[in-house]
Amino acid sequence: MRLLKNMKKNLLNKIRPYISINRNVVNGEPLFKGTRIPVSFVVEQLSLGWNLKDIKKRHPELNFYHIRKVVSFLSDEITYLKNDETKKESSWTYSHRCSSTVTL
């Protein structure tokens, strides 16, 4: 749990120049700076197959650079989480085959 809190804090520090968070605006969701567009909305649109040009066309107030930076940081964090979980699983599997735990 502490790992997730630290990752969230690190992620927010990295993307802070591109987002804003205000409890009184859109229920405190992270928004692209200077807009009322939630980061989660753009991530959702990308997951549905939209490309950056489609998103930009629909929301001209968004900045390509900011979208790319935020998505890149999110991708890096997801990859880190995936790798960390794989390490834990390898360690767990190995420890149940041997008498001692070895982190691979």
C-alpha atoms as a PDB file:
ATOM      1  CA  MET A   1       0.000   0.000   0.000  1.00  0.00           C
ATOM      2  CA  ARG A   2       2.841   2.376   0.832  1.00  0.00           C
ATOM      3  CA  LEU A   3       4.376   1.632  -2.584  1.00  0.00           C
ATOM      4  CA  LEU A   4       1.176   2.768  -4.299  1.00  0.00           C
ATOM      5  CA  LYS A   5       1.034   5.963  -2.221  1.00  0.00           C
ATOM      6  CA  ASN A   6       4.664   6.766  -3.073  1.00  0.00           C
ATOM      7  CA  MET A   7       4.076   6.020  -6.749  1.00  0.00           C
ATOM      8  CA  LYS A   8       1.003   8.245  -6.793  1.00  0.00           C
ATOM      9  CA  LYS A   9       2.970  11.063  -5.152  1.00  0.00           C
ATOM     10  CA  ASN A  10       5.893  10.664  -7.594  1.00  0.00           C
ATOM     11  CA  LEU A  11       3.540  10.548 -10.556  1.00  0.00           C
ATOM     12  CA  LEU A  12       1.700  13.678  -9.442  1.00  0.00           C
ATOM     13  CA  ASN A  13       5.009  15.513  -8.979  1.00  0.00           C
ATOM     14  CA  LYS A  14       6.092  14.578 -12.519  1.00  0.00           C
ATOM     15  CA  ILE A  15       2.859  15.591 -14.202  1.00  0.00           C
ATOM     16  CA  ARG A  16       2.038  18.587 -12.004  1.00  0.00           C
ATOM     17  CA  PRO A  17       3.280  21.110 -14.621  1.00  0.00           C
ATOM     18  CA  TYR A  18       0.618  19.784 -17.000  1.00  0.00           C
ATOM     19  CA  ILE A  19      -2.335  19.247 -14.667  1.00  0.00           C
ATOM     20  CA  SER A  20      -4.229  21.076 -11.964  1.00  0.00           C
ATOM     21  CA  ILE A  21      -6.146  19.698  -9.011  1.00  0.00           C
ATOM     22  CA  ASN A  22      -8.688  21.783  -7.144  1.00  0.00           C
ATOM     23  CA  ARG A  23     -11.313  20.279  -4.828  1.00  0.00           C
ATOM     24  CA  ASN A  24     -13.810  22.881  -5.981  1.00  0.00           C
ATOM     25  CA  VAL A  25     -13.431  22.170  -9.711  1.00  0.00           C
ATOM     26  CA  VAL A  26     -14.840  18.950 -11.221  1.00  0.00           C
ATOM     27  CA  ASN A  27     -14.858  17.261  -7.791  1.00  0.00           C
ATOM     28  CA  GLY A  28     -11.090  17.523  -7.419  1.00  0.00           C
ATOM     29  CA  GLU A  29     -10.246  15.351 -10.420  1.00  0.00           C
ATOM     30  CA  PRO A  30      -6.860  15.980 -12.057  1.00  0.00           C
ATOM     31  CA  LEU A  31      -7.524  18.271 -15.037  1.00  0.00           C
ATOM     32  CA  PHE A  32      -5.313  19.356 -17.888  1.00  0.00           C
ATOM     33  CA  LYS A  33      -4.008  22.745 -16.823  1.00  0.00           C
ATOM     34  CA  GLY A  34      -6.094  25.639 -18.119  1.00  0.00           C
ATOM     35  CA  THR A  35      -9.079  23.410 -18.959  1.00  0.00           C
ATOM     36  CA  ARG A  36     -11.923  21.592 -17.256  1.00  0.00           C
ATOM     37  CA  ILE A  37     -11.021  18.349 -19.039  1.00  0.00           C
ATOM     38  CA  PRO A  38     -10.152  15.464 -16.696  1.00  0.00           C
ATOM     39  CA  VAL A  39      -7.006  13.462 -17.416  1.00  0.00           C
ATOM     40  CA  SER A  40      -9.120  10.318 -16.922  1.00  0.00           C
ATOM     41  CA  PHE A  41     -11.388  11.404 -19.796  1.00  0.00           C
ATOM     42  CA  VAL A  42      -8.473  11.586 -22.232  1.00  0.00           C
ATOM     43  CA  VAL A  43      -7.071   8.256 -21.022  1.00  0.00           C
ATOM     44  CA  GLU A  44     -10.524   6.720 -21.484  1.00  0.00           C
ATOM     45  CA  GLN A  45     -10.816   8.126 -25.011  1.00  0.00           C
ATOM     46  CA  LEU A  46      -7.394   6.699 -25.898  1.00  0.00           C
ATOM     47  CA  SER A  47      -8.434   3.300 -24.523  1.00  0.00           C
ATOM     48  CA  LEU A  48     -11.512   3.414 -26.763  1.00  0.00           C
ATOM     49  CA  GLY A  49      -9.290   3.791 -29.825  1.00  0.00           C
ATOM     50  CA  TRP A  50      -9.286   7.542 -30.322  1.00  0.00           C
ATOM     51  CA  ASN A  51      -6.012   9.039 -31.473  1.00  0.00           C
ATOM     52  CA  LEU A  52      -4.521  12.338 -30.354  1.00  0.00           C
ATOM     53  CA  LYS A  53      -5.722  14.135 -33.499  1.00  0.00           C
ATOM     54  CA  ASP A  54      -9.326  13.077 -32.823  1.00  0.00           C
ATOM     55  CA  ILE A  55      -9.087  14.239 -29.216  1.00  0.00           C
ATOM     56  CA  LYS A  56      -7.455  17.537 -30.211  1.00  0.00           C
ATOM     57  CA  LYS A  57     -10.093  18.122 -32.892  1.00  0.00           C
ATOM     58  CA  ARG A  58     -12.868  17.624 -30.355  1.00  0.00           C
ATOM     59  CA  HIS A  59     -11.091  19.583 -27.603  1.00  0.00           C
ATOM     60  CA  PRO A  60      -8.927  22.273 -29.248  1.00  0.00           C
ATOM     61  CA  GLU A  61      -8.072  23.758 -25.843  1.00  0.00           C
ATOM     62  CA  LEU A  62      -5.906  20.704 -25.102  1.00  0.00           C
ATOM     63  CA  ASN A  63      -2.196  20.824 -25.831  1.00  0.00           C
ATOM     64  CA  PHE A  64      -0.641  17.841 -27.699  1.00  0.00           C
ATOM     65  CA  TYR A  65       2.568  18.134 -25.713  1.00  0.00           C
ATOM     66  CA  HIS A  66       0.772  18.025 -22.368  1.00  0.00           C
ATOM     67  CA  ILE A  67      -1.347  15.034 -23.409  1.00  0.00           C
ATOM     68  CA  ARG A  68       1.739  13.143 -24.560  1.00  0.00           C
ATOM     69  CA  LYS A  69       3.660  13.942 -21.382  1.00  0.00           C
ATOM     70  CA  VAL A  70       0.844  12.865 -19.069  1.00  0.00           C
ATOM     71  CA  VAL A  71       0.146   9.667 -21.038  1.00  0.00           C
ATOM     72  CA  SER A  72       3.876   8.884 -21.174  1.00  0.00           C
ATOM     73  CA  PHE A  73       4.258   9.269 -17.399  1.00  0.00           C
ATOM     74  CA  LEU A  74       1.155   7.141 -16.804  1.00  0.00           C
ATOM     75  CA  SER A  75       2.539   4.477 -19.121  1.00  0.00           C
ATOM     76  CA  ASP A  76       5.889   4.483 -17.304  1.00  0.00           C
ATOM     77  CA  GLU A  77       4.157   4.062 -13.947  1.00  0.00           C
ATOM     78  CA  ILE A  78       1.999   1.196 -15.233  1.00  0.00           C
ATOM     79  CA  THR A  79       5.102  -0.530 -16.620  1.00  0.00           C
ATOM     80  CA  TYR A  80       6.842  -0.041 -13.269  1.00  0.00           C
ATOM     81  CA  LEU A  81       3.859  -1.519 -11.424  1.00  0.00           C
ATOM     82  CA  LYS A  82       3.734  -4.458 -13.809  1.00  0.00           C
ATOM     83  CA  ASN A  83       7.458  -5.150 -13.392  1.00  0.00           C
ATOM     84  CA  ASP A  84       7.208  -4.818  -9.614  1.00  0.00           C
ATOM     85  CA  GLU A  85       4.294  -7.262  -9.464  1.00  0.00           C
ATOM     86  CA  THR A  86       6.206  -9.715 -11.690  1.00  0.00           C
ATOM     87  CA  LYS A  87       9.191  -9.545  -9.312  1.00  0.00           C
ATOM     88  CA  LYS A  88       6.962 -10.187  -6.292  1.00  0.00           C
ATOM     89  CA  GLU A  89       5.329 -13.130  -8.029  1.00  0.00           C
ATOM     90  CA  SER A  90       8.716 -14.624  -8.990  1.00  0.00           C
ATOM     91  CA  SER A  91       9.920 -14.261  -5.412  1.00  0.00           C
ATOM     92  CA  TRP A  92       6.734 -15.788  -4.024  1.00  0.00           C
ATOM     93  CA  THR A  93       6.824 -18.723  -6.461  1.00  0.00           C
ATOM     94  CA  TYR A  94      10.475 -19.449  -5.764  1.00  0.00           C
ATOM     95  CA  SER A  95      10.024 -19.207  -2.000  1.00  0.00           C
ATOM     96  CA  HIS A  96       7.333 -21.861  -2.089  1.00  0.00           C
ATOM     97  CA  ARG A  97       9.593 -24.297  -3.935  1.00  0.00           C
ATOM     98  CA  CYS A  98      12.594 -23.831  -1.642  1.00  0.00           C
ATOM     99  CA  SER A  99      13.109 -23.448   2.037  1.00  0.00           C
ATOM    100  CA  SER A 100      14.346 -19.856   1.704  1.00  0.00           C
ATOM    101  CA  THR A 101      13.016 -16.849  -0.160  1.00  0.00           C
ATOM    102  CA  VAL A 102      15.161 -15.462  -2.943  1.00  0.00           C
ATOM    103  CA  THR A 103      14.131 -12.389  -4.884  1.00  0.00           C
ATOM    104  CA  LEU A 104      14.814 -12.947  -8.559  1.00  0.00           C
END
